[in-house]
Amino acid sequence: MKEPITELIRTNFFHGRLLSAEDLAHEQEQARARQWLHNRLLHGHGVVSGLEVTVVGDHVEVAPGVALDPLGREIVLGDTRLLDGADVVPETHGRVQVVIAWAEKPAGDLPGPDGPVPDRFVECPLVTLADHTLDEPPEHGLPLARLYRRGPELLVDPSVRRHAHR
């Protein structure tokens, strides 16, 4: 799905202007929209650096790295993620993919006019194993590798990995 290109509007700041929380939230949304548009149109989507997938026994490791999702959002994985690959069986025929997706979660609470509101939002990529038919990643997710079994051995096939343009 292609994200539409929408009209970008910015706040006109001037001395004496009273700013509201909505003005500041809109300014942040516009800055993010511009960055994501830039990423999407100039770089495409895929892995920028890192995010290598390795297997040790039945443990799948995804190394730190950076990617751009199809909407242009930056996915920054700052630490190694471990996944359990024990459920990958020969019958899946390579349908199990290691997928990374952009996600954020609220952090902290502040008193708001109608009760607690999040103090901040923390971007925390979702790294998961997903059972999909070949070449069918989840919406807005980036496949990093395909997993399959040869006998008892869990193997990594990085052929589904897509790289962003640099």
N, C-alpha and C. Protein backbone atom coordinates (compact mmCIF):
# COMPACT_ATOMS: atom_id res chain seq x y z
N MET A 1 0.85 -1.18 0.00
CA MET A 1 0.00 0.00 0.00
C MET A 1 0.89 1.24 0.00
N LYS A 2 0.65 2.12 -0.92
CA LYS A 2 1.40 3.38 -0.99
C LYS A 2 0.72 4.40 -0.08
N GLU A 3 1.53 5.07 0.69
CA GLU A 3 1.02 6.15 1.56
C GLU A 3 0.80 7.38 0.68
N PRO A 4 -0.37 8.00 0.78
CA PRO A 4 -0.62 9.18 -0.06
C PRO A 4 0.27 10.36 0.33
N ILE A 5 0.53 11.19 -0.65
CA ILE A 5 1.27 12.42 -0.40
C ILE A 5 0.23 13.49 -0.08
N THR A 6 0.31 14.06 1.11
CA THR A 6 -0.68 15.03 1.53
C THR A 6 -0.06 16.42 1.62
N GLU A 7 -0.93 17.41 1.64
CA GLU A 7 -0.48 18.79 1.77
C GLU A 7 0.17 18.99 3.13
N LEU A 8 1.32 19.62 3.15
CA LEU A 8 2.02 19.88 4.40
C LEU A 8 1.78 21.33 4.81
N ILE A 9 1.40 21.51 6.05
CA ILE A 9 1.08 22.84 6.59
C ILE A 9 1.96 23.05 7.81
N ARG A 10 2.53 24.23 7.96
CA ARG A 10 3.35 24.51 9.14
C ARG A 10 2.82 25.73 9.86
N THR A 11 3.10 25.76 11.15
CA THR A 11 2.68 26.87 12.00
C THR A 11 3.54 28.09 11.72
N ASN A 12 2.93 29.25 11.68
CA ASN A 12 3.66 30.51 11.53
C ASN A 12 3.95 31.05 12.93
N PHE A 13 5.21 30.97 13.32
CA PHE A 13 5.61 31.47 14.63
C PHE A 13 5.94 32.95 14.53
N PHE A 14 5.48 33.72 15.51
CA PHE A 14 5.84 35.14 15.57
C PHE A 14 5.80 35.58 17.03
N HIS A 15 6.51 36.65 17.32
CA HIS A 15 6.60 37.17 18.68
C HIS A 15 5.20 37.51 19.20
N GLY A 16 4.88 37.00 20.37
CA GLY A 16 3.59 37.28 20.99
C GLY A 16 2.53 36.23 20.72
N ARG A 17 2.80 35.28 19.84
CA ARG A 17 1.80 34.25 19.53
C ARG A 17 1.68 33.29 20.71
N LEU A 18 0.46 32.98 21.08
CA LEU A 18 0.19 32.02 22.14
C LEU A 18 0.12 30.63 21.50
N LEU A 19 0.95 29.72 21.96
CA LEU A 19 0.98 28.37 21.43
C LEU A 19 0.24 27.41 22.35
N SER A 20 -0.50 26.50 21.75
CA SER A 20 -1.22 25.49 22.52
C SER A 20 -0.51 24.13 22.35
N ALA A 21 -0.92 23.18 23.15
CA ALA A 21 -0.38 21.82 23.02
C ALA A 21 -0.71 21.28 21.62
N GLU A 22 -1.87 21.63 21.10
CA GLU A 22 -2.25 21.18 19.75
C GLU A 22 -1.32 21.76 18.69
N ASP A 23 -0.93 23.04 18.84
CA ASP A 23 0.01 23.65 17.89
C ASP A 23 1.34 22.89 17.89
N LEU A 24 1.85 22.59 19.07
CA LEU A 24 3.13 21.91 19.18
C LEU A 24 3.03 20.46 18.68
N ALA A 25 1.92 19.78 18.98
CA ALA A 25 1.73 18.41 18.48
C ALA A 25 1.65 18.42 16.95
N HIS A 26 0.95 19.41 16.38
CA HIS A 26 0.86 19.53 14.93
C HIS A 26 2.23 19.76 14.31
N GLU A 27 3.05 20.60 14.95
CA GLU A 27 4.39 20.87 14.45
C GLU A 27 5.23 19.59 14.44
N GLN A 28 5.12 18.78 15.50
CA GLN A 28 5.84 17.51 15.53
C GLN A 28 5.33 16.56 14.46
N GLU A 29 4.03 16.48 14.28
CA GLU A 29 3.45 15.60 13.26
C GLU A 29 3.92 16.01 11.87
N GLN A 30 3.97 17.31 11.61
CA GLN A 30 4.42 17.78 10.30
C GLN A 30 5.89 17.49 10.06
N ALA A 31 6.72 17.66 11.09
CA ALA A 31 8.15 17.36 10.94
C ALA A 31 8.35 15.87 10.65
N ARG A 32 7.60 15.02 11.36
CA ARG A 32 7.69 13.58 11.11
C ARG A 32 7.18 13.25 9.72
N ALA A 33 6.08 13.84 9.31
CA ALA A 33 5.52 13.57 7.97
C ALA A 33 6.51 13.96 6.88
N ARG A 34 7.18 15.09 7.05
CA ARG A 34 8.17 15.51 6.06
C ARG A 34 9.35 14.54 6.01
N GLN A 35 9.83 14.12 7.16
CA GLN A 35 10.95 13.17 7.21
C GLN A 35 10.56 11.84 6.58
N TRP A 36 9.38 11.35 6.91
CA TRP A 36 8.93 10.07 6.37
C TRP A 36 8.70 10.16 4.86
N LEU A 37 8.20 11.31 4.39
CA LEU A 37 8.02 11.51 2.95
C LEU A 37 9.39 11.48 2.25
N HIS A 38 10.35 12.20 2.82
CA HIS A 38 11.71 12.21 2.29
C HIS A 38 12.26 10.78 2.22
N ASN A 39 12.16 10.05 3.30
CA ASN A 39 12.67 8.69 3.35
C ASN A 39 12.01 7.81 2.29
N ARG A 40 10.69 7.90 2.22
CA ARG A 40 9.92 7.05 1.31
C ARG A 40 10.25 7.33 -0.16
N LEU A 41 10.32 8.62 -0.52
CA LEU A 41 10.51 8.97 -1.92
C LEU A 41 11.96 8.92 -2.37
N LEU A 42 12.90 9.24 -1.50
CA LEU A 42 14.30 9.28 -1.91
C LEU A 42 15.07 7.99 -1.60
N HIS A 43 14.65 7.25 -0.59
CA HIS A 43 15.41 6.07 -0.18
C HIS A 43 14.65 4.76 -0.31
N GLY A 44 13.34 4.82 -0.45
CA GLY A 44 12.56 3.59 -0.50
C GLY A 44 12.48 2.94 0.86
N HIS A 45 12.23 1.64 0.87
CA HIS A 45 12.16 0.95 2.15
C HIS A 45 13.08 -0.27 2.12
N GLY A 46 13.52 -0.65 3.31
CA GLY A 46 14.40 -1.80 3.47
C GLY A 46 15.46 -1.53 4.51
N VAL A 47 16.40 -2.44 4.61
CA VAL A 47 17.47 -2.35 5.60
C VAL A 47 18.47 -1.29 5.15
N VAL A 48 18.82 -0.40 6.06
CA VAL A 48 19.86 0.61 5.80
C VAL A 48 21.21 0.06 6.24
N SER A 49 21.28 -0.50 7.44
CA SER A 49 22.51 -1.12 7.93
C SER A 49 22.18 -2.09 9.05
N GLY A 50 23.05 -3.06 9.22
CA GLY A 50 22.89 -4.02 10.31
C GLY A 50 21.71 -4.95 10.12
N LEU A 51 21.09 -5.34 11.24
CA LEU A 51 19.93 -6.21 11.29
C LEU A 51 20.20 -7.60 10.71
N GLU A 52 21.45 -8.07 10.83
CA GLU A 52 21.78 -9.41 10.36
C GLU A 52 21.09 -10.44 11.25
N VAL A 53 20.68 -11.53 10.64
CA VAL A 53 20.00 -12.61 11.36
C VAL A 53 20.93 -13.81 11.40
N THR A 54 21.17 -14.33 12.60
CA THR A 54 21.98 -15.53 12.78
C THR A 54 21.23 -16.49 13.68
N VAL A 55 21.65 -17.75 13.62
CA VAL A 55 21.01 -18.79 14.43
C VAL A 55 22.08 -19.49 15.25
N VAL A 56 21.77 -19.70 16.52
CA VAL A 56 22.61 -20.50 17.41
C VAL A 56 21.68 -21.52 18.04
N GLY A 57 21.78 -22.77 17.60
CA GLY A 57 20.84 -23.79 18.06
C GLY A 57 19.45 -23.45 17.57
N ASP A 58 18.51 -23.32 18.49
CA ASP A 58 17.14 -22.92 18.14
C ASP A 58 16.88 -21.44 18.45
N HIS A 59 17.94 -20.69 18.78
CA HIS A 59 17.78 -19.27 19.08
C HIS A 59 18.12 -18.45 17.85
N VAL A 60 17.23 -17.54 17.50
CA VAL A 60 17.42 -16.65 16.37
C VAL A 60 17.84 -15.30 16.93
N GLU A 61 18.95 -14.76 16.43
CA GLU A 61 19.46 -13.47 16.88
C GLU A 61 19.35 -12.45 15.76
N VAL A 62 18.82 -11.27 16.09
CA VAL A 62 18.77 -10.16 15.15
C VAL A 62 19.68 -9.07 15.71
N ALA A 63 20.71 -8.73 14.95
CA ALA A 63 21.71 -7.75 15.39
C ALA A 63 21.14 -6.33 15.31
N PRO A 64 21.69 -5.40 16.08
CA PRO A 64 21.26 -4.00 16.00
C PRO A 64 21.41 -3.46 14.58
N GLY A 65 20.59 -2.47 14.25
CA GLY A 65 20.68 -1.86 12.93
C GLY A 65 19.54 -0.89 12.68
N VAL A 66 19.45 -0.44 11.43
CA VAL A 66 18.47 0.58 11.04
C VAL A 66 17.80 0.14 9.74
N ALA A 67 16.51 0.41 9.64
CA ALA A 67 15.76 0.14 8.42
C ALA A 67 14.72 1.24 8.23
N LEU A 68 14.16 1.30 7.03
CA LEU A 68 13.03 2.19 6.73
C LEU A 68 11.86 1.31 6.34
N ASP A 69 10.69 1.56 6.95
CA ASP A 69 9.53 0.76 6.58
C ASP A 69 8.86 1.37 5.34
N PRO A 70 7.86 0.71 4.76
CA PRO A 70 7.23 1.22 3.53
C PRO A 70 6.60 2.60 3.66
N LEU A 71 6.34 3.06 4.89
CA LEU A 71 5.79 4.40 5.09
C LEU A 71 6.89 5.44 5.27
N GLY A 72 8.16 5.00 5.32
CA GLY A 72 9.28 5.92 5.48
C GLY A 72 9.71 6.10 6.93
N ARG A 73 9.08 5.38 7.84
CA ARG A 73 9.44 5.51 9.25
C ARG A 73 10.77 4.80 9.52
N GLU A 74 11.61 5.44 10.35
CA GLU A 74 12.89 4.86 10.73
C GLU A 74 12.67 3.80 11.80
N ILE A 75 13.22 2.64 11.56
CA ILE A 75 13.19 1.55 12.54
C ILE A 75 14.62 1.41 13.06
N VAL A 76 14.82 1.74 14.33
CA VAL A 76 16.16 1.69 14.92
C VAL A 76 16.16 0.64 16.02
N LEU A 77 16.91 -0.42 15.79
CA LEU A 77 17.05 -1.49 16.78
C LEU A 77 18.41 -1.30 17.45
N GLY A 78 18.40 -0.92 18.71
CA GLY A 78 19.63 -0.56 19.41
C GLY A 78 20.34 -1.72 20.09
N ASP A 79 19.66 -2.85 20.25
CA ASP A 79 20.30 -3.99 20.91
C ASP A 79 19.90 -5.28 20.20
N THR A 80 20.65 -6.33 20.45
CA THR A 80 20.36 -7.62 19.84
C THR A 80 19.05 -8.16 20.39
N ARG A 81 18.21 -8.67 19.51
CA ARG A 81 16.96 -9.31 19.93
C ARG A 81 17.09 -10.81 19.72
N LEU A 82 16.59 -11.56 20.67
CA LEU A 82 16.60 -13.02 20.61
C LEU A 82 15.19 -13.53 20.44
N LEU A 83 15.02 -14.47 19.53
CA LEU A 83 13.72 -15.09 19.27
C LEU A 83 13.88 -16.60 19.41
N ASP A 84 12.81 -17.26 19.81
CA ASP A 84 12.83 -18.71 19.96
C ASP A 84 12.38 -19.34 18.64
N GLY A 85 13.28 -20.08 18.00
CA GLY A 85 12.97 -20.72 16.73
C GLY A 85 12.58 -22.18 16.87
N ALA A 86 12.31 -22.64 18.10
CA ALA A 86 12.00 -24.05 18.33
C ALA A 86 10.75 -24.51 17.59
N ASP A 87 9.81 -23.61 17.35
CA ASP A 87 8.56 -23.99 16.68
C ASP A 87 8.68 -24.05 15.16
N VAL A 88 9.82 -23.68 14.61
CA VAL A 88 10.02 -23.78 13.16
C VAL A 88 10.26 -25.25 12.84
N VAL A 89 9.36 -25.84 12.07
CA VAL A 89 9.43 -27.26 11.73
C VAL A 89 9.61 -27.42 10.22
N PRO A 90 10.10 -28.57 9.77
CA PRO A 90 10.31 -28.76 8.32
C PRO A 90 9.04 -28.52 7.49
N GLU A 91 7.88 -28.76 8.05
CA GLU A 91 6.62 -28.61 7.31
C GLU A 91 6.30 -27.17 6.94
N THR A 92 6.95 -26.20 7.57
CA THR A 92 6.66 -24.80 7.22
C THR A 92 7.26 -24.41 5.88
N HIS A 93 8.20 -25.21 5.35
CA HIS A 93 8.79 -25.00 4.01
C HIS A 93 9.26 -23.57 3.79
N GLY A 94 9.90 -22.95 4.76
CA GLY A 94 10.45 -21.60 4.59
C GLY A 94 9.44 -20.48 4.71
N ARG A 95 8.22 -20.77 5.18
CA ARG A 95 7.21 -19.72 5.32
C ARG A 95 7.44 -18.85 6.55
N VAL A 96 8.22 -19.32 7.49
CA VAL A 96 8.48 -18.54 8.70
C VAL A 96 9.55 -17.51 8.39
N GLN A 97 9.21 -16.25 8.61
CA GLN A 97 10.13 -15.15 8.34
C GLN A 97 10.43 -14.40 9.62
N VAL A 98 11.66 -13.89 9.71
CA VAL A 98 12.02 -12.95 10.77
C VAL A 98 11.64 -11.58 10.23
N VAL A 99 10.76 -10.88 10.96
CA VAL A 99 10.20 -9.61 10.49
C VAL A 99 10.44 -8.54 11.53
N ILE A 100 10.76 -7.34 11.05
CA ILE A 100 10.88 -6.18 11.95
C ILE A 100 9.86 -5.14 11.50
N ALA A 101 9.25 -4.48 12.48
CA ALA A 101 8.24 -3.46 12.17
C ALA A 101 8.37 -2.30 13.14
N TRP A 102 8.01 -1.12 12.66
CA TRP A 102 8.04 0.08 13.49
C TRP A 102 6.93 -0.02 14.53
N ALA A 103 7.22 0.40 15.74
CA ALA A 103 6.21 0.46 16.80
C ALA A 103 6.65 1.49 17.83
N GLU A 104 5.68 2.02 18.54
CA GLU A 104 5.98 2.92 19.65
C GLU A 104 5.03 2.62 20.79
N LYS A 105 5.46 2.99 22.00
CA LYS A 105 4.62 2.79 23.17
C LYS A 105 4.73 4.00 24.08
N PRO A 106 3.67 4.29 24.82
CA PRO A 106 3.72 5.41 25.77
C PRO A 106 4.62 5.06 26.95
N ALA A 107 5.25 6.09 27.52
CA ALA A 107 6.11 5.89 28.68
C ALA A 107 5.85 7.00 29.69
N GLY A 108 5.68 6.62 30.92
CA GLY A 108 5.47 7.60 31.98
C GLY A 108 4.08 8.22 31.91
N ASP A 109 3.63 8.76 33.00
CA ASP A 109 2.34 9.42 33.07
C ASP A 109 2.49 10.82 33.65
N LEU A 110 1.70 11.72 33.12
CA LEU A 110 1.58 13.07 33.66
C LEU A 110 0.10 13.35 33.90
N PRO A 111 -0.21 14.18 34.87
CA PRO A 111 -1.62 14.51 35.05
C PRO A 111 -2.12 15.37 33.89
N GLY A 112 -3.23 14.97 33.32
CA GLY A 112 -3.86 15.73 32.25
C GLY A 112 -5.21 16.23 32.69
N PRO A 113 -5.90 17.02 31.87
CA PRO A 113 -7.19 17.59 32.27
C PRO A 113 -8.26 16.53 32.51
N ASP A 114 -8.13 15.37 31.83
CA ASP A 114 -9.12 14.30 31.98
C ASP A 114 -8.52 13.04 32.56
N GLY A 115 -7.40 13.16 33.25
CA GLY A 115 -6.73 12.00 33.82
C GLY A 115 -5.32 11.89 33.29
N PRO A 116 -4.63 10.81 33.65
CA PRO A 116 -3.23 10.66 33.24
C PRO A 116 -3.07 10.60 31.72
N VAL A 117 -1.98 11.19 31.24
CA VAL A 117 -1.62 11.14 29.82
C VAL A 117 -0.15 10.72 29.73
N PRO A 118 0.24 10.10 28.62
CA PRO A 118 1.64 9.68 28.50
C PRO A 118 2.58 10.89 28.53
N ASP A 119 3.69 10.72 29.22
CA ASP A 119 4.72 11.75 29.28
C ASP A 119 5.51 11.78 27.97
N ARG A 120 5.80 10.60 27.42
CA ARG A 120 6.60 10.48 26.20
C ARG A 120 6.12 9.25 25.43
N PHE A 121 6.62 9.14 24.21
CA PHE A 121 6.43 7.94 23.41
C PHE A 121 7.81 7.41 23.04
N VAL A 122 8.01 6.12 23.21
CA VAL A 122 9.29 5.49 22.94
C VAL A 122 9.12 4.59 21.72
N GLU A 123 9.97 4.81 20.71
CA GLU A 123 9.94 3.94 19.54
C GLU A 123 10.67 2.66 19.90
N CYS A 124 9.97 1.55 19.75
CA CYS A 124 10.51 0.24 20.13
C CYS A 124 10.11 -0.77 19.06
N PRO A 125 11.02 -1.07 18.15
CA PRO A 125 10.69 -1.95 17.04
C PRO A 125 10.16 -3.30 17.51
N LEU A 126 9.23 -3.83 16.76
CA LEU A 126 8.69 -5.16 16.98
C LEU A 126 9.49 -6.12 16.11
N VAL A 127 10.12 -7.10 16.72
CA VAL A 127 10.88 -8.13 16.00
C VAL A 127 10.19 -9.44 16.31
N THR A 128 9.77 -10.14 15.27
CA THR A 128 8.97 -11.34 15.49
C THR A 128 9.20 -12.37 14.41
N LEU A 129 8.72 -13.58 14.67
CA LEU A 129 8.67 -14.62 13.65
C LEU A 129 7.24 -14.65 13.15
N ALA A 130 7.08 -14.64 11.83
CA ALA A 130 5.75 -14.63 11.22
C ALA A 130 5.67 -15.72 10.17
N ASP A 131 4.59 -16.47 10.19
CA ASP A 131 4.39 -17.53 9.21
C ASP A 131 3.61 -16.96 8.03
N HIS A 132 4.29 -16.80 6.92
CA HIS A 132 3.69 -16.19 5.72
C HIS A 132 4.07 -17.00 4.50
N THR A 133 3.24 -16.90 3.48
CA THR A 133 3.63 -17.52 2.22
C THR A 133 4.79 -16.73 1.65
N LEU A 134 5.50 -17.30 0.73
CA LEU A 134 6.68 -16.65 0.17
C LEU A 134 6.35 -15.27 -0.37
N ASP A 135 7.23 -14.31 -0.11
CA ASP A 135 7.13 -12.93 -0.58
C ASP A 135 5.87 -12.21 -0.10
N GLU A 136 5.36 -12.55 1.04
CA GLU A 136 4.17 -11.87 1.57
C GLU A 136 4.44 -11.41 3.00
N PRO A 137 5.17 -10.28 3.18
CA PRO A 137 5.44 -9.80 4.54
C PRO A 137 4.18 -9.18 5.15
N PRO A 138 4.13 -9.08 6.47
CA PRO A 138 2.98 -8.40 7.09
C PRO A 138 2.96 -6.93 6.69
N GLU A 139 1.79 -6.32 6.76
CA GLU A 139 1.66 -4.92 6.36
C GLU A 139 2.65 -4.04 7.13
N HIS A 140 3.43 -3.27 6.41
CA HIS A 140 4.42 -2.33 6.93
C HIS A 140 5.61 -3.00 7.63
N GLY A 141 5.66 -4.32 7.65
CA GLY A 141 6.79 -5.02 8.24
C GLY A 141 7.83 -5.32 7.17
N LEU A 142 9.06 -5.46 7.61
CA LEU A 142 10.15 -5.78 6.69
C LEU A 142 10.69 -7.17 7.01
N PRO A 143 10.63 -8.09 6.05
CA PRO A 143 11.24 -9.39 6.30
C PRO A 143 12.76 -9.28 6.26
N LEU A 144 13.41 -9.85 7.25
CA LEU A 144 14.87 -9.83 7.33
C LEU A 144 15.48 -11.14 6.88
N ALA A 145 14.74 -12.23 7.05
CA ALA A 145 15.25 -13.55 6.65
C ALA A 145 14.10 -14.55 6.69
N ARG A 146 14.32 -15.66 6.02
CA ARG A 146 13.40 -16.78 6.05
C ARG A 146 14.09 -17.90 6.83
N LEU A 147 13.33 -18.63 7.63
CA LEU A 147 13.89 -19.74 8.41
C LEU A 147 13.33 -21.05 7.90
N TYR A 148 14.17 -22.07 7.92
CA TYR A 148 13.69 -23.40 7.58
C TYR A 148 14.57 -24.44 8.27
N ARG A 149 14.11 -25.67 8.28
CA ARG A 149 14.84 -26.76 8.93
C ARG A 149 15.36 -27.73 7.88
N ARG A 150 16.57 -28.17 8.13
CA ARG A 150 17.13 -29.30 7.39
C ARG A 150 17.51 -30.31 8.47
N GLY A 151 16.67 -31.31 8.62
CA GLY A 151 16.83 -32.24 9.74
C GLY A 151 16.60 -31.46 11.02
N PRO A 152 17.48 -31.62 12.00
CA PRO A 152 17.31 -30.88 13.25
C PRO A 152 17.87 -29.46 13.21
N GLU A 153 18.59 -29.14 12.12
CA GLU A 153 19.29 -27.84 12.05
C GLU A 153 18.38 -26.72 11.57
N LEU A 154 18.36 -25.61 12.29
CA LEU A 154 17.63 -24.40 11.90
C LEU A 154 18.54 -23.54 11.05
N LEU A 155 18.07 -23.16 9.85
CA LEU A 155 18.89 -22.42 8.90
C LEU A 155 18.25 -21.09 8.55
N VAL A 156 19.10 -20.12 8.15
CA VAL A 156 18.68 -18.78 7.79
C VAL A 156 18.86 -18.59 6.29
N ASP A 157 17.83 -18.07 5.63
CA ASP A 157 17.90 -17.71 4.21
C ASP A 157 17.61 -16.21 4.12
N PRO A 158 18.64 -15.38 3.84
CA PRO A 158 18.44 -13.92 3.80
C PRO A 158 17.91 -13.40 2.46
N SER A 159 17.48 -14.27 1.56
CA SER A 159 17.09 -13.82 0.21
C SER A 159 15.85 -12.93 0.19
N VAL A 160 15.05 -12.93 1.26
CA VAL A 160 13.86 -12.06 1.31
C VAL A 160 14.20 -10.65 1.78
N ARG A 161 15.42 -10.44 2.22
CA ARG A 161 15.87 -9.16 2.76
C ARG A 161 15.94 -8.11 1.64
N ARG A 162 15.40 -6.96 1.89
CA ARG A 162 15.42 -5.86 0.93
C ARG A 162 16.25 -4.73 1.52
N HIS A 163 17.04 -4.07 0.67
CA HIS A 163 17.88 -2.96 1.14
C HIS A 163 17.31 -1.63 0.63
N ALA A 164 17.35 -0.62 1.50
CA ALA A 164 16.96 0.73 1.11
C ALA A 164 18.05 1.30 0.21
N HIS A 165 17.68 2.26 -0.63
CA HIS A 165 18.66 2.91 -1.49
C HIS A 165 19.50 3.86 -0.67
N ARG A 166 20.80 3.88 -0.90
CA ARG A 166 21.67 4.81 -0.17
C ARG A 166 22.35 5.71 -1.14
